[in-house]
Amino acid sequence: MTTPRRHALEALRHYALSYQESTRQLARHMDLPTVDGTALGEIIWAEYDGSPLSPSRLASRVDLTSGATNALINRLEERGLASRSRESGDRRIVTLRSTEAARERAAVFLDPSTAALEAALDGYDDATLDTVGSVLTRLAAVLPGAGDECR
């Protein structure tokens, strides 16, 4: 017998697996190795979210060393998909940005999914979505290896 808790955790696991597969498909769409496509997706998402990534934050998100992340960023820059800039008052802080070309190519893949996600959420009121968001945040925070990003 499936309990509501078990059902919720299984649904969350299914979503996580589907999300991982979508990052692999984005990488294929962008003609990139999986880790490079995942990194580009993280850069684009962070920009969309209004909090662009530093190389160290990207390294944490894609679980690479700083040296490997630097090589990855170099590859994305060489392909014209990302750039580094120094935007803050503290010129030591590097910010990663996707290029217009990267955003345009990714949009072909991402826009239909974004529209479908928005449509899937349309059936829920704000209070329900706040509850779901709270539950997901709490669950993410207790997983092994969860860092400050999940809290």
Protein backbone atom coordinates (compact mmCIF):
# COMPACT_ATOMS: atom_id res chain seq x y z
CA MET A 1 0.00 0.00 0.00
CA THR A 2 1.34 3.40 -0.96
CA THR A 3 1.11 6.07 1.70
CA PRO A 4 0.86 9.78 0.85
CA ARG A 5 4.42 10.28 2.15
CA ARG A 6 5.76 7.45 0.01
CA HIS A 7 3.85 8.74 -3.00
CA ALA A 8 5.27 12.26 -2.51
CA LEU A 9 8.84 10.98 -2.20
CA GLU A 10 8.45 8.73 -5.24
CA ALA A 11 7.01 11.64 -7.25
CA LEU A 12 9.94 13.80 -6.16
CA ARG A 13 12.41 11.09 -7.18
CA HIS A 14 10.67 10.78 -10.55
CA TYR A 15 10.89 14.56 -11.04
CA ALA A 16 14.60 14.56 -10.11
CA LEU A 17 15.31 11.80 -12.63
CA SER A 18 13.30 13.60 -15.30
CA TYR A 19 15.17 16.83 -14.58
CA GLN A 20 18.52 15.03 -14.93
CA GLU A 21 17.41 13.60 -18.26
CA SER A 22 16.32 17.04 -19.44
CA THR A 23 19.81 18.41 -18.67
CA ARG A 24 21.33 15.61 -20.75
CA GLN A 25 18.94 16.44 -23.59
CA LEU A 26 19.84 20.14 -23.34
CA ALA A 27 23.51 19.19 -23.62
CA ARG A 28 22.77 17.09 -26.72
CA HIS A 29 20.69 19.92 -28.19
CA MET A 30 23.59 22.33 -27.63
CA ASP A 31 26.08 19.74 -28.98
CA LEU A 32 27.99 19.76 -25.69
CA PRO A 33 29.30 17.13 -23.31
CA THR A 34 26.81 16.51 -20.51
CA VAL A 35 28.73 18.40 -17.83
CA ASP A 36 29.21 21.41 -20.14
CA GLY A 37 25.52 21.44 -21.04
CA THR A 38 24.57 21.14 -17.38
CA ALA A 39 26.89 24.02 -16.52
CA LEU A 40 25.48 26.18 -19.30
CA GLY A 41 21.97 25.41 -18.07
CA GLU A 42 22.99 26.47 -14.55
CA ILE A 43 24.48 29.71 -15.88
CA ILE A 44 21.32 30.50 -17.85
CA TRP A 45 19.03 29.61 -14.93
CA ALA A 46 21.03 31.75 -12.48
CA GLU A 47 20.83 34.72 -14.85
CA TYR A 48 17.08 34.18 -15.26
CA ASP A 49 16.77 34.01 -11.48
CA GLY A 50 18.59 37.35 -11.16
CA SER A 51 21.61 35.94 -9.35
CA PRO A 52 24.37 35.18 -11.86
CA LEU A 53 26.96 32.63 -10.81
CA SER A 54 30.60 33.02 -9.95
CA PRO A 55 32.95 30.26 -11.11
CA SER A 56 33.12 28.88 -7.56
CA ARG A 57 29.32 28.67 -7.30
CA LEU A 58 29.20 26.94 -10.68
CA ALA A 59 31.87 24.49 -9.48
CA SER A 60 29.68 23.66 -6.51
CA ARG A 61 26.58 23.18 -8.66
CA VAL A 62 28.25 20.85 -11.15
CA ASP A 63 30.51 19.19 -8.55
CA LEU A 64 33.87 19.97 -10.16
CA THR A 65 37.15 21.26 -8.80
CA SER A 66 38.04 24.88 -9.46
CA GLY A 67 40.59 23.80 -12.09
CA ALA A 68 38.10 21.58 -13.91
CA THR A 69 35.50 24.35 -13.74
CA ASN A 70 37.98 26.82 -15.21
CA ALA A 71 38.62 24.42 -18.11
CA LEU A 72 34.85 23.98 -18.58
CA ILE A 73 34.29 27.76 -18.66
CA ASN A 74 37.14 28.09 -21.16
CA ARG A 75 35.41 25.55 -23.41
CA LEU A 76 32.10 27.42 -23.18
CA GLU A 77 33.86 30.72 -23.96
CA GLU A 78 35.69 29.18 -26.94
CA ARG A 79 32.33 28.04 -28.33
CA GLY A 80 30.82 31.52 -27.83
CA LEU A 81 28.31 30.26 -25.25
CA ALA A 82 29.47 32.00 -22.07
CA SER A 83 31.64 34.84 -20.87
CA ARG A 84 33.28 36.03 -17.67
CA SER A 85 32.94 39.61 -16.51
CA ARG A 86 33.76 41.74 -13.50
CA GLU A 87 30.50 43.54 -12.79
CA SER A 88 30.61 44.28 -9.08
CA GLY A 89 32.31 47.14 -7.29
CA ASP A 90 34.82 44.56 -6.10
CA ARG A 91 36.63 43.89 -9.38
CA ARG A 92 37.98 40.59 -8.01
CA ILE A 93 34.53 38.97 -8.29
CA VAL A 94 33.97 37.21 -11.61
CA THR A 95 30.44 36.77 -12.92
CA LEU A 96 29.46 34.19 -15.51
CA ARG A 97 27.01 35.11 -18.25
CA SER A 98 25.56 33.20 -21.16
CA THR A 99 25.88 34.81 -24.55
CA GLU A 100 22.95 35.88 -26.68
CA ALA A 101 23.76 33.03 -29.07
CA ALA A 102 23.62 30.50 -26.22
CA ARG A 103 20.31 31.86 -24.95
CA GLU A 104 18.80 31.77 -28.44
CA ARG A 105 19.93 28.17 -29.08
CA ALA A 106 18.83 27.03 -25.62
CA ALA A 107 15.44 28.77 -25.97
CA VAL A 108 14.51 26.44 -28.83
CA PHE A 109 14.84 23.56 -26.36
CA LEU A 110 13.79 25.27 -23.11
CA ASP A 111 10.81 27.43 -24.12
CA PRO A 112 8.38 24.55 -24.78
CA SER A 113 9.33 22.96 -21.44
CA THR A 114 8.95 26.27 -19.64
CA ALA A 115 5.50 26.76 -21.12
CA ALA A 116 4.50 23.21 -20.14
CA LEU A 117 5.78 23.71 -16.57
CA GLU A 118 3.87 26.97 -16.27
CA ALA A 119 0.71 25.28 -17.56
CA ALA A 120 1.16 22.42 -15.08
CA LEU A 121 1.36 24.92 -12.22
CA ASP A 122 -1.64 26.94 -13.42
CA GLY A 123 -4.04 24.53 -11.73
CA TYR A 124 -2.74 25.37 -8.25
CA ASP A 125 -3.39 28.40 -6.09
CA ASP A 126 -0.58 30.42 -4.52
CA ALA A 127 -1.07 28.90 -1.05
CA THR A 128 -0.66 25.38 -2.44
CA LEU A 129 2.44 26.38 -4.41
CA ASP A 130 3.91 28.04 -1.29
CA THR A 131 3.33 24.79 0.63
CA VAL A 132 4.91 22.68 -2.12
CA GLY A 133 7.88 25.05 -2.29
CA SER A 134 8.33 24.86 1.46
CA VAL A 135 8.21 21.06 1.46
CA LEU A 136 10.72 20.80 -1.39
CA THR A 137 13.09 23.26 0.27
CA ARG A 138 12.91 21.33 3.54
CA LEU A 139 13.48 17.98 1.81
CA ALA A 140 16.44 19.33 -0.17
CA ALA A 141 18.03 20.71 2.99
CA VAL A 142 18.13 17.32 4.73
CA LEU A 143 19.68 15.33 1.87
CA PRO A 144 23.30 14.23 2.31
CA GLY A 145 25.65 16.87 1.01
CA ALA A 146 23.05 19.64 1.09
CA GLY A 147 24.77 22.99 1.39
CA ASP A 148 23.64 26.53 2.03
CA GLU A 149 22.22 26.72 -1.50
CA CYS A 150 19.36 24.40 -0.48
CA ARG A 151 18.44 26.29 2.65
